[in-house]
mmCIF file of all heavy atoms, coordinates in Angstrom:
data_MODEL
# 
_entry.id   MODEL 
# 
loop_
_atom_site.group_PDB 
_atom_site.id 
_atom_site.type_symbol 
_atom_site.label_atom_id 
_atom_site.label_alt_id 
_atom_site.label_comp_id 
_atom_site.label_asym_id 
_atom_site.label_entity_id 
_atom_site.label_seq_id 
_atom_site.pdbx_PDB_ins_code 
_atom_site.Cartn_x 
_atom_site.Cartn_y 
_atom_site.Cartn_z 
_atom_site.occupancy 
_atom_site.B_iso_or_equiv 
_atom_site.pdbx_formal_charge 
_atom_site.auth_seq_id 
_atom_site.auth_comp_id 
_atom_site.auth_asym_id 
_atom_site.auth_atom_id 
_atom_site.pdbx_PDB_model_num 
ATOM 1   N N   . PHE A 1 1  ? 16.929 6.141  -28.842 1.00 0.00 ? 1  PHE A N   1 
ATOM 2   C CA  . PHE A 1 1  ? 16.650 5.144  -27.721 1.00 0.00 ? 1  PHE A CA  1 
ATOM 3   C C   . PHE A 1 1  ? 16.809 3.877  -28.341 1.00 0.00 ? 1  PHE A C   1 
ATOM 4   O O   . PHE A 1 1  ? 15.863 3.390  -29.115 1.00 0.00 ? 1  PHE A O   1 
ATOM 5   C CB  . PHE A 1 1  ? 15.317 5.384  -27.238 1.00 0.00 ? 1  PHE A CB  1 
ATOM 6   C CG  . PHE A 1 1  ? 15.049 4.825  -25.889 1.00 0.00 ? 1  PHE A CG  1 
ATOM 7   C CD1 . PHE A 1 1  ? 15.733 5.387  -24.709 1.00 0.00 ? 1  PHE A CD1 1 
ATOM 8   C CD2 . PHE A 1 1  ? 14.205 3.682  -25.537 1.00 0.00 ? 1  PHE A CD2 1 
ATOM 9   C CE1 . PHE A 1 1  ? 15.459 4.879  -23.553 1.00 0.00 ? 1  PHE A CE1 1 
ATOM 10  C CE2 . PHE A 1 1  ? 14.070 3.124  -24.466 1.00 0.00 ? 1  PHE A CE2 1 
ATOM 11  C CZ  . PHE A 1 1  ? 14.679 3.734  -23.286 1.00 0.00 ? 1  PHE A CZ  1 
ATOM 12  N N   . THR A 1 2  ? 18.022 3.134  -28.164 1.00 0.00 ? 2  THR A N   1 
ATOM 13  C CA  . THR A 1 2  ? 18.257 1.807  -28.701 1.00 0.00 ? 2  THR A CA  1 
ATOM 14  C C   . THR A 1 2  ? 17.582 0.747  -27.813 1.00 0.00 ? 2  THR A C   1 
ATOM 15  O O   . THR A 1 2  ? 17.206 1.114  -26.738 1.00 0.00 ? 2  THR A O   1 
ATOM 16  C CB  . THR A 1 2  ? 19.745 1.668  -28.744 1.00 0.00 ? 2  THR A CB  1 
ATOM 17  O OG1 . THR A 1 2  ? 20.304 1.614  -27.342 1.00 0.00 ? 2  THR A OG1 1 
ATOM 18  C CG2 . THR A 1 2  ? 20.500 2.797  -29.447 1.00 0.00 ? 2  THR A CG2 1 
ATOM 19  N N   . GLU A 1 3  ? 17.774 -0.485 -28.406 1.00 0.00 ? 3  GLU A N   1 
ATOM 20  C CA  . GLU A 1 3  ? 17.236 -1.660 -27.684 1.00 0.00 ? 3  GLU A CA  1 
ATOM 21  C C   . GLU A 1 3  ? 18.016 -1.825 -26.324 1.00 0.00 ? 3  GLU A C   1 
ATOM 22  O O   . GLU A 1 3  ? 17.519 -2.139 -25.361 1.00 0.00 ? 3  GLU A O   1 
ATOM 23  C CB  . GLU A 1 3  ? 17.339 -2.751 -28.546 1.00 0.00 ? 3  GLU A CB  1 
ATOM 24  C CG  . GLU A 1 3  ? 16.869 -4.128 -27.809 1.00 0.00 ? 3  GLU A CG  1 
ATOM 25  C CD  . GLU A 1 3  ? 15.414 -4.014 -27.480 1.00 0.00 ? 3  GLU A CD  1 
ATOM 26  O OE1 . GLU A 1 3  ? 14.592 -3.401 -28.189 1.00 0.00 ? 3  GLU A OE1 1 
ATOM 27  O OE2 . GLU A 1 3  ? 15.026 -4.620 -26.440 1.00 0.00 ? 3  GLU A OE2 1 
ATOM 28  N N   . THR A 1 4  ? 19.316 -1.516 -26.442 1.00 0.00 ? 4  THR A N   1 
ATOM 29  C CA  . THR A 1 4  ? 20.168 -1.648 -25.237 1.00 0.00 ? 4  THR A CA  1 
ATOM 30  C C   . THR A 1 4  ? 19.700 -0.562 -24.215 1.00 0.00 ? 4  THR A C   1 
ATOM 31  O O   . THR A 1 4  ? 19.630 -0.853 -23.098 1.00 0.00 ? 4  THR A O   1 
ATOM 32  C CB  . THR A 1 4  ? 21.657 -1.295 -25.543 1.00 0.00 ? 4  THR A CB  1 
ATOM 33  O OG1 . THR A 1 4  ? 22.126 -2.284 -26.598 1.00 0.00 ? 4  THR A OG1 1 
ATOM 34  C CG2 . THR A 1 4  ? 22.573 -1.293 -24.457 1.00 0.00 ? 4  THR A CG2 1 
ATOM 35  N N   . ASP A 1 5  ? 19.375 0.680  -24.657 1.00 0.00 ? 5  ASP A N   1 
ATOM 36  C CA  . ASP A 1 5  ? 18.888 1.717  -23.775 1.00 0.00 ? 5  ASP A CA  1 
ATOM 37  C C   . ASP A 1 5  ? 17.631 1.236  -23.071 1.00 0.00 ? 5  ASP A C   1 
ATOM 38  O O   . ASP A 1 5  ? 17.399 1.362  -21.942 1.00 0.00 ? 5  ASP A O   1 
ATOM 39  C CB  . ASP A 1 5  ? 18.569 3.012  -24.521 1.00 0.00 ? 5  ASP A CB  1 
ATOM 40  C CG  . ASP A 1 5  ? 19.888 3.767  -24.951 1.00 0.00 ? 5  ASP A CG  1 
ATOM 41  O OD1 . ASP A 1 5  ? 20.880 3.463  -24.509 1.00 0.00 ? 5  ASP A OD1 1 
ATOM 42  O OD2 . ASP A 1 5  ? 19.704 4.438  -26.036 1.00 0.00 ? 5  ASP A OD2 1 
ATOM 43  N N   . ALA A 1 6  ? 16.675 0.681  -23.969 1.00 0.00 ? 6  ALA A N   1 
ATOM 44  C CA  . ALA A 1 6  ? 15.456 0.106  -23.359 1.00 0.00 ? 6  ALA A CA  1 
ATOM 45  C C   . ALA A 1 6  ? 15.622 -0.994 -22.327 1.00 0.00 ? 6  ALA A C   1 
ATOM 46  O O   . ALA A 1 6  ? 15.045 -0.919 -21.315 1.00 0.00 ? 6  ALA A O   1 
ATOM 47  C CB  . ALA A 1 6  ? 14.525 -0.355 -24.500 1.00 0.00 ? 6  ALA A CB  1 
ATOM 48  N N   . GLN A 1 7  ? 16.595 -1.876 -22.584 1.00 0.00 ? 7  GLN A N   1 
ATOM 49  C CA  . GLN A 1 7  ? 16.948 -2.900 -21.623 1.00 0.00 ? 7  GLN A CA  1 
ATOM 50  C C   . GLN A 1 7  ? 17.494 -2.336 -20.335 1.00 0.00 ? 7  GLN A C   1 
ATOM 51  O O   . GLN A 1 7  ? 17.156 -2.672 -19.288 1.00 0.00 ? 7  GLN A O   1 
ATOM 52  C CB  . GLN A 1 7  ? 17.829 -3.867 -22.129 1.00 0.00 ? 7  GLN A CB  1 
ATOM 53  C CG  . GLN A 1 7  ? 17.215 -4.778 -23.341 1.00 0.00 ? 7  GLN A CG  1 
ATOM 54  C CD  . GLN A 1 7  ? 18.123 -5.666 -24.051 1.00 0.00 ? 7  GLN A CD  1 
ATOM 55  O OE1 . GLN A 1 7  ? 19.368 -5.642 -23.776 1.00 0.00 ? 7  GLN A OE1 1 
ATOM 56  N NE2 . GLN A 1 7  ? 17.699 -6.487 -25.105 1.00 0.00 ? 7  GLN A NE2 1 
ATOM 57  N N   . GLN A 1 8  ? 18.328 -1.457 -20.398 1.00 0.00 ? 8  GLN A N   1 
ATOM 58  C CA  . GLN A 1 8  ? 19.014 -0.833 -19.274 1.00 0.00 ? 8  GLN A CA  1 
ATOM 59  C C   . GLN A 1 8  ? 18.030 0.069  -18.539 1.00 0.00 ? 8  GLN A C   1 
ATOM 60  O O   . GLN A 1 8  ? 17.963 -0.093 -17.221 1.00 0.00 ? 8  GLN A O   1 
ATOM 61  C CB  . GLN A 1 8  ? 20.119 0.098  -19.734 1.00 0.00 ? 8  GLN A CB  1 
ATOM 62  C CG  . GLN A 1 8  ? 21.353 -0.669 -20.217 1.00 0.00 ? 8  GLN A CG  1 
ATOM 63  C CD  . GLN A 1 8  ? 22.537 0.236  -20.748 1.00 0.00 ? 8  GLN A CD  1 
ATOM 64  O OE1 . GLN A 1 8  ? 22.238 1.305  -21.028 1.00 0.00 ? 8  GLN A OE1 1 
ATOM 65  N NE2 . GLN A 1 8  ? 23.715 -0.368 -20.893 1.00 0.00 ? 8  GLN A NE2 1 
ATOM 66  N N   . THR A 1 9  ? 17.171 0.765  -19.141 1.00 0.00 ? 9  THR A N   1 
ATOM 67  C CA  . THR A 1 9  ? 16.222 1.486  -18.386 1.00 0.00 ? 9  THR A CA  1 
ATOM 68  C C   . THR A 1 9  ? 15.137 0.632  -17.863 1.00 0.00 ? 9  THR A C   1 
ATOM 69  O O   . THR A 1 9  ? 14.735 0.926  -16.636 1.00 0.00 ? 9  THR A O   1 
ATOM 70  C CB  . THR A 1 9  ? 15.445 2.516  -19.377 1.00 0.00 ? 9  THR A CB  1 
ATOM 71  O OG1 . THR A 1 9  ? 16.379 3.338  -19.954 1.00 0.00 ? 9  THR A OG1 1 
ATOM 72  C CG2 . THR A 1 9  ? 14.442 3.307  -18.654 1.00 0.00 ? 9  THR A CG2 1 
ATOM 73  N N   . GLY A 1 10 ? 14.669 -0.446 -18.430 1.00 0.00 ? 10 GLY A N   1 
ATOM 74  C CA  . GLY A 1 10 ? 13.757 -1.324 -17.938 1.00 0.00 ? 10 GLY A CA  1 
ATOM 75  C C   . GLY A 1 10 ? 14.394 -2.055 -16.719 1.00 0.00 ? 10 GLY A C   1 
ATOM 76  O O   . GLY A 1 10 ? 13.685 -2.280 -15.775 1.00 0.00 ? 10 GLY A O   1 
ATOM 77  N N   . ALA A 1 11 ? 15.574 -2.460 -16.757 1.00 0.00 ? 11 ALA A N   1 
ATOM 78  C CA  . ALA A 1 11 ? 16.258 -3.119 -15.561 1.00 0.00 ? 11 ALA A CA  1 
ATOM 79  C C   . ALA A 1 11 ? 16.395 -2.124 -14.465 1.00 0.00 ? 11 ALA A C   1 
ATOM 80  O O   . ALA A 1 11 ? 16.068 -2.501 -13.214 1.00 0.00 ? 11 ALA A O   1 
ATOM 81  C CB  . ALA A 1 11 ? 17.658 -3.512 -16.030 1.00 0.00 ? 11 ALA A CB  1 
ATOM 82  N N   . ALA A 1 12 ? 16.659 -0.830 -14.633 1.00 0.00 ? 12 ALA A N   1 
ATOM 83  C CA  . ALA A 1 12 ? 16.787 0.151  -13.669 1.00 0.00 ? 12 ALA A CA  1 
ATOM 84  C C   . ALA A 1 12 ? 15.464 0.307  -13.005 1.00 0.00 ? 12 ALA A C   1 
ATOM 85  O O   . ALA A 1 12 ? 15.229 0.446  -11.713 1.00 0.00 ? 12 ALA A O   1 
ATOM 86  C CB  . ALA A 1 12 ? 17.271 1.440  -14.177 1.00 0.00 ? 12 ALA A CB  1 
ATOM 87  N N   . TRP A 1 13 ? 14.389 0.503  -13.794 1.00 0.00 ? 13 TRP A N   1 
ATOM 88  C CA  . TRP A 1 13 ? 13.093 0.509  -13.154 1.00 0.00 ? 13 TRP A CA  1 
ATOM 89  C C   . TRP A 1 13 ? 12.630 -0.633 -12.378 1.00 0.00 ? 13 TRP A C   1 
ATOM 90  O O   . TRP A 1 13 ? 12.076 -0.616 -11.302 1.00 0.00 ? 13 TRP A O   1 
ATOM 91  C CB  . TRP A 1 13 ? 12.028 0.826  -14.267 1.00 0.00 ? 13 TRP A CB  1 
ATOM 92  C CG  . TRP A 1 13 ? 11.898 2.286  -14.684 1.00 0.00 ? 13 TRP A CG  1 
ATOM 93  C CD1 . TRP A 1 13 ? 12.181 2.890  -15.884 1.00 0.00 ? 13 TRP A CD1 1 
ATOM 94  C CD2 . TRP A 1 13 ? 11.490 3.279  -13.837 1.00 0.00 ? 13 TRP A CD2 1 
ATOM 95  N NE1 . TRP A 1 13 ? 12.045 4.302  -15.799 1.00 0.00 ? 13 TRP A NE1 1 
ATOM 96  C CE2 . TRP A 1 13 ? 11.372 4.497  -14.469 1.00 0.00 ? 13 TRP A CE2 1 
ATOM 97  C CE3 . TRP A 1 13 ? 11.021 3.385  -12.499 1.00 0.00 ? 13 TRP A CE3 1 
ATOM 98  C CZ2 . TRP A 1 13 ? 11.118 5.784  -13.971 1.00 0.00 ? 13 TRP A CZ2 1 
ATOM 99  C CZ3 . TRP A 1 13 ? 10.557 4.601  -11.973 1.00 0.00 ? 13 TRP A CZ3 1 
ATOM 100 C CH2 . TRP A 1 13 ? 10.619 5.750  -12.745 1.00 0.00 ? 13 TRP A CH2 1 
ATOM 101 N N   . ALA A 1 14 ? 12.863 -1.783 -12.959 1.00 0.00 ? 14 ALA A N   1 
ATOM 102 C CA  . ALA A 1 14 ? 12.593 -3.057 -12.148 1.00 0.00 ? 14 ALA A CA  1 
ATOM 103 C C   . ALA A 1 14 ? 13.219 -3.149 -10.828 1.00 0.00 ? 14 ALA A C   1 
ATOM 104 O O   . ALA A 1 14 ? 12.579 -3.483 -9.946  1.00 0.00 ? 14 ALA A O   1 
ATOM 105 C CB  . ALA A 1 14 ? 12.979 -4.306 -13.027 1.00 0.00 ? 14 ALA A CB  1 
ATOM 106 N N   . ILE A 1 15 ? 14.503 -2.655 -10.714 1.00 0.00 ? 15 ILE A N   1 
ATOM 107 C CA  . ILE A 1 15 ? 15.171 -2.598 -9.446  1.00 0.00 ? 15 ILE A CA  1 
ATOM 108 C C   . ILE A 1 15 ? 14.556 -1.550 -8.540  1.00 0.00 ? 15 ILE A C   1 
ATOM 109 O O   . ILE A 1 15 ? 14.143 -1.956 -7.396  1.00 0.00 ? 15 ILE A O   1 
ATOM 110 C CB  . ILE A 1 15 ? 16.679 -2.283 -9.640  1.00 0.00 ? 15 ILE A CB  1 
ATOM 111 C CG1 . ILE A 1 15 ? 17.387 -3.403 -10.339 1.00 0.00 ? 15 ILE A CG1 1 
ATOM 112 C CG2 . ILE A 1 15 ? 17.328 -1.833 -8.290  1.00 0.00 ? 15 ILE A CG2 1 
ATOM 113 C CD1 . ILE A 1 15 ? 18.688 -3.057 -10.840 1.00 0.00 ? 15 ILE A CD1 1 
ATOM 114 N N   . LEU A 1 16 ? 14.155 -0.401 -9.007  1.00 0.00 ? 16 LEU A N   1 
ATOM 115 C CA  . LEU A 1 16 ? 13.532 0.537  -8.247  1.00 0.00 ? 16 LEU A CA  1 
ATOM 116 C C   . LEU A 1 16 ? 12.198 0.273  -7.721  1.00 0.00 ? 16 LEU A C   1 
ATOM 117 O O   . LEU A 1 16 ? 11.793 0.384  -6.543  1.00 0.00 ? 16 LEU A O   1 
ATOM 118 C CB  . LEU A 1 16 ? 13.461 1.960  -8.971  1.00 0.00 ? 16 LEU A CB  1 
ATOM 119 C CG  . LEU A 1 16 ? 14.737 2.602  -9.138  1.00 0.00 ? 16 LEU A CG  1 
ATOM 120 C CD1 . LEU A 1 16 ? 14.644 3.872  -9.967  1.00 0.00 ? 16 LEU A CD1 1 
ATOM 121 C CD2 . LEU A 1 16 ? 15.418 3.035  -7.888  1.00 0.00 ? 16 LEU A CD2 1 
ATOM 122 N N   . ILE A 1 17 ? 11.372 -0.403 -8.660  1.00 0.00 ? 17 ILE A N   1 
ATOM 123 C CA  . ILE A 1 17 ? 10.025 -0.845 -8.193  1.00 0.00 ? 17 ILE A CA  1 
ATOM 124 C C   . ILE A 1 17 ? 10.116 -1.948 -7.120  1.00 0.00 ? 17 ILE A C   1 
ATOM 125 O O   . ILE A 1 17 ? 9.327  -1.833 -6.111  1.00 0.00 ? 17 ILE A O   1 
ATOM 126 C CB  . ILE A 1 17 ? 9.331  -1.252 -9.438  1.00 0.00 ? 17 ILE A CB  1 
ATOM 127 C CG1 . ILE A 1 17 ? 9.015  -0.062 -10.377 1.00 0.00 ? 17 ILE A CG1 1 
ATOM 128 C CG2 . ILE A 1 17 ? 7.947  -2.012 -9.078  1.00 0.00 ? 17 ILE A CG2 1 
ATOM 129 C CD1 . ILE A 1 17 ? 8.510  -0.455 -11.877 1.00 0.00 ? 17 ILE A CD1 1 
ATOM 130 N N   . SER A 1 18 ? 10.967 -2.841 -7.314  1.00 0.00 ? 18 SER A N   1 
ATOM 131 C CA  . SER A 1 18 ? 11.120 -3.945 -6.358  1.00 0.00 ? 18 SER A CA  1 
ATOM 132 C C   . SER A 1 18 ? 11.514 -3.351 -4.953  1.00 0.00 ? 18 SER A C   1 
ATOM 133 O O   . SER A 1 18 ? 11.004 -3.734 -3.864  1.00 0.00 ? 18 SER A O   1 
ATOM 134 C CB  . SER A 1 18 ? 12.203 -4.868 -6.836  1.00 0.00 ? 18 SER A CB  1 
ATOM 135 O OG  . SER A 1 18 ? 12.421 -5.922 -5.783  1.00 0.00 ? 18 SER A OG  1 
ATOM 136 N N   . GLU A 1 19 ? 12.491 -2.422 -5.018  1.00 0.00 ? 19 GLU A N   1 
ATOM 137 C CA  . GLU A 1 19 ? 12.995 -1.774 -3.761  1.00 0.00 ? 19 GLU A CA  1 
ATOM 138 C C   . GLU A 1 19 ? 11.853 -0.899 -3.187  1.00 0.00 ? 19 GLU A C   1 
ATOM 139 O O   . GLU A 1 19 ? 11.695 -0.976 -1.963  1.00 0.00 ? 19 GLU A O   1 
ATOM 140 C CB  . GLU A 1 19 ? 14.190 -0.836 -4.135  1.00 0.00 ? 19 GLU A CB  1 
ATOM 141 C CG  . GLU A 1 19 ? 14.876 -0.212 -2.920  1.00 0.00 ? 19 GLU A CG  1 
ATOM 142 C CD  . GLU A 1 19 ? 16.084 0.564  -3.283  1.00 0.00 ? 19 GLU A CD  1 
ATOM 143 O OE1 . GLU A 1 19 ? 16.681 0.385  -4.337  1.00 0.00 ? 19 GLU A OE1 1 
ATOM 144 O OE2 . GLU A 1 19 ? 16.492 1.343  -2.457  1.00 0.00 ? 19 GLU A OE2 1 
ATOM 145 N N   . ALA A 1 20 ? 11.139 -0.143 -3.930  1.00 0.00 ? 20 ALA A N   1 
ATOM 146 C CA  . ALA A 1 20 ? 10.084 0.526  -3.456  1.00 0.00 ? 20 ALA A CA  1 
ATOM 147 C C   . ALA A 1 20 ? 8.943  -0.290 -2.820  1.00 0.00 ? 20 ALA A C   1 
ATOM 148 O O   . ALA A 1 20 ? 8.441  0.088  -1.676  1.00 0.00 ? 20 ALA A O   1 
ATOM 149 C CB  . ALA A 1 20 ? 9.433  1.488  -4.513  1.00 0.00 ? 20 ALA A CB  1 
ATOM 150 N N   . ASP A 1 21 ? 8.726  -1.469 -3.331  1.00 0.00 ? 21 ASP A N   1 
ATOM 151 C CA  . ASP A 1 21 ? 7.653  -2.331 -2.876  1.00 0.00 ? 21 ASP A CA  1 
ATOM 152 C C   . ASP A 1 21 ? 8.122  -2.817 -1.433  1.00 0.00 ? 21 ASP A C   1 
ATOM 153 O O   . ASP A 1 21 ? 7.341  -2.985 -0.558  1.00 0.00 ? 21 ASP A O   1 
ATOM 154 C CB  . ASP A 1 21 ? 7.361  -3.473 -3.859  1.00 0.00 ? 21 ASP A CB  1 
ATOM 155 C CG  . ASP A 1 21 ? 6.226  -4.170 -3.455  1.00 0.00 ? 21 ASP A CG  1 
ATOM 156 O OD1 . ASP A 1 21 ? 5.167  -3.565 -3.111  1.00 0.00 ? 21 ASP A OD1 1 
ATOM 157 O OD2 . ASP A 1 21 ? 6.195  -5.492 -3.546  1.00 0.00 ? 21 ASP A OD2 1 
ATOM 158 N N   . LYS A 1 22 ? 9.458  -3.164 -1.337  1.00 0.00 ? 22 LYS A N   1 
ATOM 159 C CA  . LYS A 1 22 ? 9.880  -3.620 -0.057  1.00 0.00 ? 22 LYS A CA  1 
ATOM 160 C C   . LYS A 1 22 ? 9.900  -2.453 1.038   1.00 0.00 ? 22 LYS A C   1 
ATOM 161 O O   . LYS A 1 22 ? 9.567  -2.724 2.171   1.00 0.00 ? 22 LYS A O   1 
ATOM 162 C CB  . LYS A 1 22 ? 11.377 -4.165 -0.201  1.00 0.00 ? 22 LYS A CB  1 
ATOM 163 C CG  . LYS A 1 22 ? 11.388 -5.479 -0.861  1.00 0.00 ? 22 LYS A CG  1 
ATOM 164 C CD  . LYS A 1 22 ? 12.840 -5.768 -1.274  1.00 0.00 ? 22 LYS A CD  1 
ATOM 165 C CE  . LYS A 1 22 ? 12.822 -7.075 -2.098  1.00 0.00 ? 22 LYS A CE  1 
ATOM 166 N NZ  . LYS A 1 22 ? 14.072 -7.371 -2.613  1.00 0.00 ? 22 LYS A NZ  1 
ATOM 167 N N   . LEU A 1 23 ? 10.376 -1.238 0.596   1.00 0.00 ? 23 LEU A N   1 
ATOM 168 C CA  . LEU A 1 23 ? 10.399 -0.122 1.503   1.00 0.00 ? 23 LEU A CA  1 
ATOM 169 C C   . LEU A 1 23 ? 8.947  0.357  1.985   1.00 0.00 ? 23 LEU A C   1 
ATOM 170 O O   . LEU A 1 23 ? 8.768  0.770  3.143   1.00 0.00 ? 23 LEU A O   1 
ATOM 171 C CB  . LEU A 1 23 ? 11.178 1.024  1.000   1.00 0.00 ? 23 LEU A CB  1 
ATOM 172 C CG  . LEU A 1 23 ? 12.717 0.825  0.819   1.00 0.00 ? 23 LEU A CG  1 
ATOM 173 C CD1 . LEU A 1 23 ? 13.382 1.890  0.155   1.00 0.00 ? 23 LEU A CD1 1 
ATOM 174 C CD2 . LEU A 1 23 ? 13.323 0.636  2.210   1.00 0.00 ? 23 LEU A CD2 1 
ATOM 175 N N   . ARG A 1 24 ? 8.039  0.229  1.123   1.00 0.00 ? 24 ARG A N   1 
ATOM 176 C CA  . ARG A 1 24 ? 6.688  0.717  1.423   1.00 0.00 ? 24 ARG A CA  1 
ATOM 177 C C   . ARG A 1 24 ? 6.110  -0.141 2.590   1.00 0.00 ? 24 ARG A C   1 
ATOM 178 O O   . ARG A 1 24 ? 5.288  0.301  3.372   1.00 0.00 ? 24 ARG A O   1 
ATOM 179 C CB  . ARG A 1 24 ? 5.803  0.749  0.184   1.00 0.00 ? 24 ARG A CB  1 
ATOM 180 C CG  . ARG A 1 24 ? 5.323  -0.748 -0.153  1.00 0.00 ? 24 ARG A CG  1 
ATOM 181 C CD  . ARG A 1 24 ? 4.114  -0.687 -1.141  1.00 0.00 ? 24 ARG A CD  1 
ATOM 182 N NE  . ARG A 1 24 ? 3.958  -2.055 -1.437  1.00 0.00 ? 24 ARG A NE  1 
ATOM 183 C CZ  . ARG A 1 24 ? 3.138  -2.799 -0.558  1.00 0.00 ? 24 ARG A CZ  1 
ATOM 184 N NH1 . ARG A 1 24 ? 2.534  -2.413 0.441   1.00 0.00 ? 24 ARG A NH1 1 
ATOM 185 N NH2 . ARG A 1 24 ? 2.948  -4.153 -0.918  1.00 0.00 ? 24 ARG A NH2 1 
ATOM 186 N N   . ILE A 1 25 ? 6.532  -1.386 2.727   1.00 0.00 ? 25 ILE A N   1 
ATOM 187 C CA  . ILE A 1 25 ? 5.929  -2.305 3.772   1.00 0.00 ? 25 ILE A CA  1 
ATOM 188 C C   . ILE A 1 25 ? 6.568  -1.745 5.105   1.00 0.00 ? 25 ILE A C   1 
ATOM 189 O O   . ILE A 1 25 ? 5.823  -1.728 6.065   1.00 0.00 ? 25 ILE A O   1 
ATOM 190 C CB  . ILE A 1 25 ? 6.478  -3.672 3.476   1.00 0.00 ? 25 ILE A CB  1 
ATOM 191 C CG1 . ILE A 1 25 ? 5.706  -4.317 2.256   1.00 0.00 ? 25 ILE A CG1 1 
ATOM 192 C CG2 . ILE A 1 25 ? 6.164  -4.681 4.793   1.00 0.00 ? 25 ILE A CG2 1 
ATOM 193 C CD1 . ILE A 1 25 ? 6.261  -5.585 1.720   1.00 0.00 ? 25 ILE A CD1 1 
# 
């Protein structure tokens, strides 16, 4: 798990969490 992997995974989670927060409303 490289630093690049960590950044990509973190970015993917950030997008999903933001989207989930909007959809939950």
